[in-house]
C-alpha cells in the first residue's frame, strides 16, 4: 500500500510567507551578509545553489556546503561551515536529504532558513508502491505501472517523503517561487529584481516540463532501471516506471534476489539500458547489464555538477537526461 506524506494546502500556500518574515530580521544585523553589501546566501547543495544564483543574480553571494564531486548524501559538515551558516543572511536547504546539514542548521540556531521541502508536496516513492497520479499513467497507457519505483529501502524526509523534487521541473518551479519570495522578504529593496528573475526561471522550467512531456509521450517501453532511485518524481510526472537497483543509496549493493528480479523485469518490459550516475560507481550497473545483455548510460540525479557532468548547469544536464531516456525507452 502506497503511503504519501501530504502537506496541507494551507501550509503549502503560505510556505514562503511562513519562512520569509524571519528573514527580515537579518537586514539590521551588521555582522551578517557579504562584505560588498550583497545578500549572503548559503545553499546546502547544487539544486539549492542554482536557484539562489538564478533568482538572486548579482544581488547575492552564494556559497554551497556541498563541493562539486561530493555525494550530497554523504556530506559531513565542518565546524567552519557551521559557523558560516550562522553568519548567513539566508540558508536554503532541503530537509531529509542531508542529515548532516539538517543537524548543522539546528545546531547553528539559524533563524533565516528556507526548507525547500515545505515549498512543494513530498511523496513517498519506493517500497514497491505505485506512486502515480492517475492521469499520468492513463495518458501513457500504463495506469498500473506509471511512477512505480522498486527497491528503495531507504526512507527520506519526514514520513518517508522522497526529497528528489528538483528532478521534476514543475515541482522545482514551485520551490523557485518560494525561494524568490524569501529573497524578496530578506532584501525588500531589490524585491522587483528577485520577482523578475523568479518569473524568468519559472518560465524556463515550464518550457522544460513541456519538452519532457512531448519527448516521452510515445515510447516503446515505459520502464527504466537505475542505480540511484532518485527519479520517482520524474517517473510520476511523465508516466514512466522507475526500477531502482538498490534504492536511494547509490553505493549500496543489491541482493542476488533483487538482481534476479531486475533481470526478469528487464526481459518482460523490453528494457534496453541500465542507468548509472556521475557521482557514484557504475560497477553495479555494468554487472547487471553484463548479465542481461543490456547497455549502460548516464541518468544524472543532478545533485552536483562536475567536469564529468553531461552539461554545465541544471538545464543542460536535464536535457541530456531527456535525450538518454528517449534513446533508452525507444521514443518515437
Protein backbone atom coordinates (compact mmCIF):
# COMPACT_ATOMS: atom_id res chain seq x y z
CA UNK A 1 0.00 0.00 0.00
CA UNK A 2 1.35 3.35 -1.01
CA UNK A 3 1.92 5.88 1.75
CA UNK A 4 2.12 9.55 0.92
CA UNK A 5 3.00 12.50 3.06
CA UNK A 6 0.61 15.24 2.12
CA UNK A 7 1.41 18.75 3.24
CA UNK A 8 -1.85 20.64 3.89
CA UNK A 9 -2.79 23.09 1.15
CA UNK A 10 -2.85 25.98 3.62
CA UNK A 11 0.69 25.20 4.71
CA UNK A 12 1.82 24.99 1.08
CA UNK A 13 0.18 28.25 0.11
CA UNK A 14 1.83 30.11 2.94
CA UNK A 15 5.15 28.24 2.97
CA UNK A 16 7.21 31.10 1.66
CA UNK A 17 5.33 33.58 3.82
CA UNK A 18 5.93 31.48 6.91
CA UNK A 19 9.62 31.04 6.21
CA UNK A 20 10.29 34.53 4.98
CA UNK A 21 9.18 37.02 7.67
CA UNK A 22 12.01 35.94 9.94
CA UNK A 23 14.41 36.78 7.14
CA UNK A 24 13.74 40.49 7.54
CA UNK A 25 15.44 40.36 10.92
CA UNK A 26 18.82 39.93 9.25
CA UNK A 27 18.62 43.29 7.48
CA UNK A 28 19.57 45.12 10.64
CA UNK A 29 22.40 42.77 11.60
CA UNK A 30 25.73 44.34 10.76
CA UNK A 31 27.76 41.17 11.35
CA UNK A 32 25.82 39.19 8.73
CA UNK A 33 25.90 39.48 4.97
CA UNK A 34 28.54 39.78 2.30
CA UNK A 35 31.18 42.47 2.71
CA UNK A 36 30.08 44.21 -0.51
CA UNK A 37 26.50 44.62 0.64
CA UNK A 38 25.11 41.66 -1.26
CA UNK A 39 22.85 39.14 0.44
CA UNK A 40 24.92 36.24 1.82
CA UNK A 41 23.15 33.00 0.87
CA UNK A 42 24.32 29.55 1.95
CA UNK A 43 22.89 26.67 -0.08
CA UNK A 44 23.04 23.05 1.06
CA UNK A 45 23.82 21.54 -2.36
CA UNK A 46 23.68 22.24 -6.10
CA UNK A 47 19.90 22.40 -6.79
CA UNK A 48 19.51 24.97 -3.98
CA UNK A 49 22.64 26.84 -5.13
CA UNK A 50 21.30 27.01 -8.70
CA UNK A 51 18.00 28.54 -7.54
CA UNK A 52 19.80 31.13 -5.41
CA UNK A 53 22.12 32.11 -8.27
CA UNK A 54 19.37 32.26 -10.90
CA UNK A 55 16.94 34.23 -8.73
CA UNK A 56 19.46 36.31 -6.79
CA UNK A 57 21.66 37.26 -9.72
CA UNK A 58 24.27 39.87 -8.82
CA UNK A 59 22.33 40.83 -5.68
CA UNK A 60 23.51 37.72 -3.80
CA UNK A 61 26.72 35.98 -2.85
CA UNK A 62 26.05 32.23 -2.89
CA UNK A 63 28.10 29.57 -1.09
CA UNK A 64 27.34 25.84 -1.29
CA UNK A 65 28.02 23.48 1.62
CA UNK A 66 28.50 20.58 -0.83
CA UNK A 67 31.59 20.89 -3.02
CA UNK A 68 31.43 19.67 -6.66
CA UNK A 69 32.03 15.92 -6.87
CA UNK A 70 30.90 15.18 -3.30
CA UNK A 71 27.94 12.80 -2.96
CA UNK A 72 25.44 15.02 -1.07
CA UNK A 73 24.00 12.13 0.99
CA UNK A 74 27.50 11.52 2.43
CA UNK A 75 28.28 15.15 3.27
CA UNK A 76 29.86 15.91 6.63
CA UNK A 77 29.80 19.50 7.89
CA UNK A 78 32.96 21.13 9.25
CA UNK A 79 32.90 23.50 12.27
CA UNK A 80 33.87 26.29 9.87
CA UNK A 81 30.81 25.58 7.73
CA UNK A 82 28.56 25.53 10.79
CA UNK A 83 29.94 28.94 11.77
CA UNK A 84 29.34 30.16 8.20
CA UNK A 85 25.71 29.04 8.45
CA UNK A 86 25.22 31.31 11.45
CA UNK A 87 26.62 34.30 9.56
CA UNK A 88 24.41 33.86 6.51
CA UNK A 89 21.53 36.15 5.65
CA UNK A 90 19.61 33.26 4.11
CA UNK A 91 20.09 29.48 4.29
CA UNK A 92 18.47 27.30 1.61
CA UNK A 93 18.32 23.57 2.25
CA UNK A 94 16.14 20.51 1.66
CA UNK A 95 15.30 18.76 4.90
CA UNK A 96 15.56 14.99 4.77
CA UNK A 97 18.22 14.76 2.04
CA UNK A 98 21.39 15.51 4.00
CA UNK A 99 21.23 14.56 7.71
CA UNK A 100 24.47 16.44 8.45
CA UNK A 101 23.01 19.66 7.06
CA UNK A 102 19.75 19.22 8.98
CA UNK A 103 21.75 18.77 12.17
CA UNK A 104 24.08 21.71 11.46
CA UNK A 105 21.16 24.05 10.74
CA UNK A 106 19.54 23.01 14.03
CA UNK A 107 22.81 23.39 15.99
CA UNK A 108 23.65 26.74 14.43
CA UNK A 109 20.27 28.11 15.52
CA UNK A 110 19.84 29.88 12.20
CA UNK A 111 16.58 31.80 12.04
CA UNK A 112 16.76 32.79 8.38
CA UNK A 113 16.25 29.39 6.78
CA UNK A 114 14.15 28.19 3.87
CA UNK A 115 13.40 24.45 3.81
CA UNK A 116 12.56 23.61 0.18
CA UNK A 117 10.60 20.57 1.36
CA UNK A 118 7.92 22.95 2.70
CA UNK A 119 7.52 24.69 -0.67
CA UNK A 120 6.02 21.72 -2.52
CA UNK A 121 4.33 18.41 -1.74
CA UNK A 122 6.64 15.47 -0.97
CA UNK A 123 5.52 11.97 -1.88
CA UNK A 124 6.80 8.61 -0.69
CA UNK A 125 8.35 6.73 -3.59
CA UNK A 126 9.57 3.19 -3.35
CA UNK A 127 8.95 0.14 -1.17
CA UNK A 128 7.06 -1.42 -4.08
CA UNK A 129 4.26 1.17 -4.05
CA UNK A 130 2.56 2.66 -7.10
CA UNK A 131 3.15 6.37 -6.82
CA UNK A 132 1.41 7.77 -9.86
CA UNK A 133 -1.23 10.37 -10.32
CA UNK A 134 -3.84 8.52 -12.34
CA UNK A 135 -3.77 10.92 -15.27
CA UNK A 136 -0.08 10.42 -15.95
CA UNK A 137 -0.38 6.67 -16.12
CA UNK A 138 -3.55 6.73 -18.17
CA UNK A 139 -2.01 9.10 -20.69
CA UNK A 140 0.87 6.70 -21.05
CA UNK A 141 -1.43 3.71 -21.34
CA UNK A 142 0.15 2.16 -18.28
CA UNK A 143 -2.10 3.22 -15.43
CA UNK A 144 -0.90 0.41 -13.18
CA UNK A 145 2.79 0.95 -13.78
CA UNK A 146 3.39 4.66 -14.14
CA UNK A 147 5.57 6.15 -11.46
CA UNK A 148 6.24 2.73 -9.93
CA UNK A 149 9.51 2.63 -8.04
CA UNK A 150 11.07 -0.53 -6.72
CA UNK A 151 13.93 -1.32 -4.44
CA UNK A 152 14.09 1.81 -2.32
CA UNK A 153 14.56 0.56 1.18
CA UNK A 154 15.70 3.93 2.47
CA UNK A 155 13.22 6.33 3.97
CA UNK A 156 13.66 10.01 3.20
CA UNK A 157 12.49 13.09 4.96
CA UNK A 158 9.53 13.17 7.27
CA UNK A 159 7.20 10.18 6.99
CA UNK A 160 9.33 8.76 4.19
CA UNK A 161 8.95 11.72 1.83
CA UNK A 162 11.22 11.42 -1.22
CA UNK A 163 13.36 14.60 -1.32
CA UNK A 164 14.44 14.43 -5.00
CA UNK A 165 11.84 17.02 -6.06
CA UNK A 166 14.16 19.08 -8.28
CA UNK A 167 14.12 16.30 -10.91
CA UNK A 168 10.50 17.22 -11.65
CA UNK A 169 10.67 20.65 -13.40
CA UNK A 170 7.12 21.50 -12.28
CA UNK A 171 7.89 20.88 -8.61
CA UNK A 172 11.24 22.66 -8.95
CA UNK A 173 9.31 25.68 -10.28
CA UNK A 174 7.12 25.65 -7.15
CA UNK A 175 10.25 25.69 -4.99
CA UNK A 176 11.71 28.51 -7.12
CA UNK A 177 8.66 30.65 -6.38
CA UNK A 178 9.08 30.07 -2.64
CA UNK A 179 12.79 30.88 -2.76
CA UNK A 180 12.06 34.04 -4.74
CA UNK A 181 9.52 35.16 -2.16
CA UNK A 182 12.02 34.51 0.64
CA UNK A 183 14.73 36.59 -1.06
CA UNK A 184 12.22 39.41 -1.60
CA UNK A 185 11.45 39.45 2.13
CA UNK A 186 15.13 39.28 3.07
CA UNK A 187 16.09 42.13 0.75
CA UNK A 188 12.91 44.18 0.05
CA UNK A 189 14.90 46.95 -1.61
CA UNK A 190 15.56 44.64 -4.56
CA UNK A 191 12.26 42.73 -4.50
CA UNK A 192 11.45 43.70 -8.11
CA UNK A 193 14.70 42.13 -9.32
CA UNK A 194 14.04 38.87 -7.48
CA UNK A 195 10.46 38.77 -8.79
CA UNK A 196 11.60 39.31 -12.39
CA UNK A 197 14.31 36.64 -12.12
CA UNK A 198 11.88 34.19 -10.50
CA UNK A 199 9.34 34.69 -13.30
CA UNK A 200 12.05 34.10 -15.93
CA UNK A 201 13.27 30.93 -14.21
CA UNK A 202 9.73 29.55 -13.77
CA UNK A 203 9.12 30.22 -17.48
CA UNK A 204 12.23 28.20 -18.41
CA UNK A 205 11.21 25.34 -16.10
CA UNK A 206 7.70 25.31 -17.59
CA UNK A 207 9.24 25.04 -21.07
CA UNK A 208 11.48 22.19 -19.88
CA UNK A 209 8.45 20.38 -18.47
CA UNK A 210 6.79 20.64 -21.89
CA UNK A 211 9.94 19.27 -23.59
CA UNK A 212 9.85 16.21 -21.31
CA UNK A 213 6.11 15.67 -21.82
CA UNK A 214 6.41 15.85 -25.60
CA UNK A 215 9.68 13.93 -25.78
CA UNK A 216 8.47 10.98 -23.68
CA UNK A 217 4.88 10.81 -24.95
CA UNK A 218 5.39 7.88 -27.34
CA UNK A 219 7.97 5.27 -26.35
CA UNK A 220 8.48 1.55 -26.95
CA UNK A 221 8.76 0.88 -23.20
CA UNK A 222 7.94 2.93 -20.11
CA UNK A 223 10.42 1.18 -17.78
CA UNK A 224 13.94 2.28 -16.91
CA UNK A 225 16.44 0.76 -14.48
CA UNK A 226 18.76 2.99 -12.47
CA UNK A 227 21.40 2.52 -9.77
CA UNK A 228 20.04 5.53 -7.86
CA UNK A 229 16.29 5.51 -7.20
CA UNK A 230 16.15 9.31 -7.35
CA UNK A 231 13.76 9.62 -10.28
CA UNK A 232 10.42 8.84 -8.65
CA UNK A 233 9.02 12.34 -9.25
CA UNK A 234 10.26 12.40 -12.84
CA UNK A 235 8.72 8.96 -13.47
CA UNK A 236 5.46 10.04 -11.88
CA UNK A 237 5.28 13.28 -13.86
CA UNK A 238 5.84 11.64 -17.25
CA UNK A 239 4.12 8.28 -16.79
CA UNK A 240 7.28 6.19 -16.53
CA UNK A 241 8.25 3.22 -14.35
CA UNK A 242 11.47 3.58 -12.33
CA UNK A 243 13.18 0.41 -11.17
CA UNK A 244 15.92 1.22 -8.65
CA UNK A 245 18.66 -1.40 -8.39
CA UNK A 246 19.45 -0.80 -4.75
CA UNK A 247 17.26 2.04 -3.59
CA UNK A 248 18.10 5.62 -2.78
CA UNK A 249 21.67 4.88 -1.70
CA UNK A 250 23.63 4.65 -4.96
CA UNK A 251 26.56 2.88 -3.27
CA UNK A 252 24.64 0.02 -1.60
CA UNK A 253 24.89 -3.48 -3.04
CA UNK A 254 21.68 -5.11 -4.26
CA UNK A 255 20.81 -8.63 -3.11
CA UNK A 256 21.12 -11.57 -5.55
CA UNK A 257 17.32 -11.88 -5.37
CA UNK A 258 16.91 -8.23 -6.39
CA UNK A 259 19.32 -8.69 -9.31
CA UNK A 260 17.36 -11.74 -10.49
CA UNK A 261 14.10 -9.81 -10.18
CA UNK A 262 15.53 -6.96 -12.27
CA UNK A 263 16.77 -9.37 -14.95
CA UNK A 264 13.26 -10.81 -15.27
CA UNK A 265 11.74 -7.34 -15.27
CA UNK A 266 14.12 -6.18 -18.00
CA UNK A 267 13.14 -9.08 -20.24
CA UNK A 268 9.42 -8.64 -19.59
CA UNK A 269 9.40 -4.86 -20.15
CA UNK A 270 11.86 -4.78 -23.10
CA UNK A 271 14.31 -2.68 -21.10
CA UNK A 272 17.40 -1.77 -23.14
CA UNK A 273 19.53 0.23 -20.72
CA UNK A 274 20.77 0.30 -17.13
CA UNK A 275 21.44 3.86 -15.96
CA UNK A 276 24.15 4.95 -13.55
CA UNK A 277 25.09 8.41 -12.25
CA UNK A 278 28.21 10.53 -12.45
CA UNK A 279 28.86 10.86 -8.69
CA UNK A 280 28.78 7.13 -7.86
CA UNK A 281 30.36 3.91 -9.09
CA UNK A 282 29.00 2.30 -12.26
CA UNK A 283 30.09 -1.17 -11.10
CA UNK A 284 26.59 -2.44 -10.21
CA UNK A 285 25.06 -1.08 -13.40
CA UNK A 286 27.73 -2.75 -15.53
CA UNK A 287 27.31 -6.02 -13.64
CA UNK A 288 23.56 -6.11 -14.24
CA UNK A 289 23.98 -5.01 -17.85
CA UNK A 290 26.53 -7.76 -18.50
CA UNK A 291 24.21 -10.41 -17.02
CA UNK A 292 21.25 -9.28 -19.12
CA UNK A 293 22.90 -8.11 -22.33
CA UNK A 294 21.81 -4.51 -21.74
CA UNK A 295 23.59 -1.23 -22.45
CA UNK A 296 24.61 1.31 -19.80
CA UNK A 297 24.14 5.06 -19.92
CA UNK A 298 24.08 8.09 -17.60
CA UNK A 299 20.95 9.39 -15.88
CA UNK A 300 22.15 12.22 -13.68
CA UNK A 301 20.28 12.95 -10.42
CA UNK A 302 21.77 16.46 -10.58
CA UNK A 303 23.00 16.52 -7.01
CA UNK A 304 26.17 18.23 -8.17
CA UNK A 305 27.91 19.45 -11.33
CA UNK A 306 31.45 18.25 -12.14
CA UNK A 307 33.69 18.07 -15.19
CA UNK A 308 32.12 14.66 -15.90
CA UNK A 309 28.56 16.02 -15.97
CA UNK A 310 26.73 15.98 -19.31
CA UNK A 311 26.17 19.73 -19.18
CA UNK A 312 27.29 22.85 -17.33
CA UNK A 313 24.10 23.58 -15.41
CA UNK A 314 20.68 22.24 -14.40
CA UNK A 315 19.02 22.84 -17.77
CA UNK A 316 21.83 21.32 -19.85
CA UNK A 317 22.03 18.20 -17.70
CA UNK A 318 18.24 17.76 -17.62
CA UNK A 319 18.16 17.93 -21.42
CA UNK A 320 20.94 15.32 -21.56
CA UNK A 321 18.82 13.15 -19.24
CA UNK A 322 15.88 13.57 -21.61
CA UNK A 323 17.93 12.52 -24.64
CA UNK A 324 19.30 9.50 -22.79
CA UNK A 325 15.81 8.48 -21.66
CA UNK A 326 14.41 8.90 -25.17
CA UNK A 327 17.14 6.65 -26.55
CA UNK A 328 16.73 4.01 -23.85
CA UNK A 329 12.92 3.96 -23.97
CA UNK A 330 12.70 3.96 -27.77
CA UNK A 331 10.97 7.32 -28.14
CA UNK A 332 9.15 7.71 -31.45
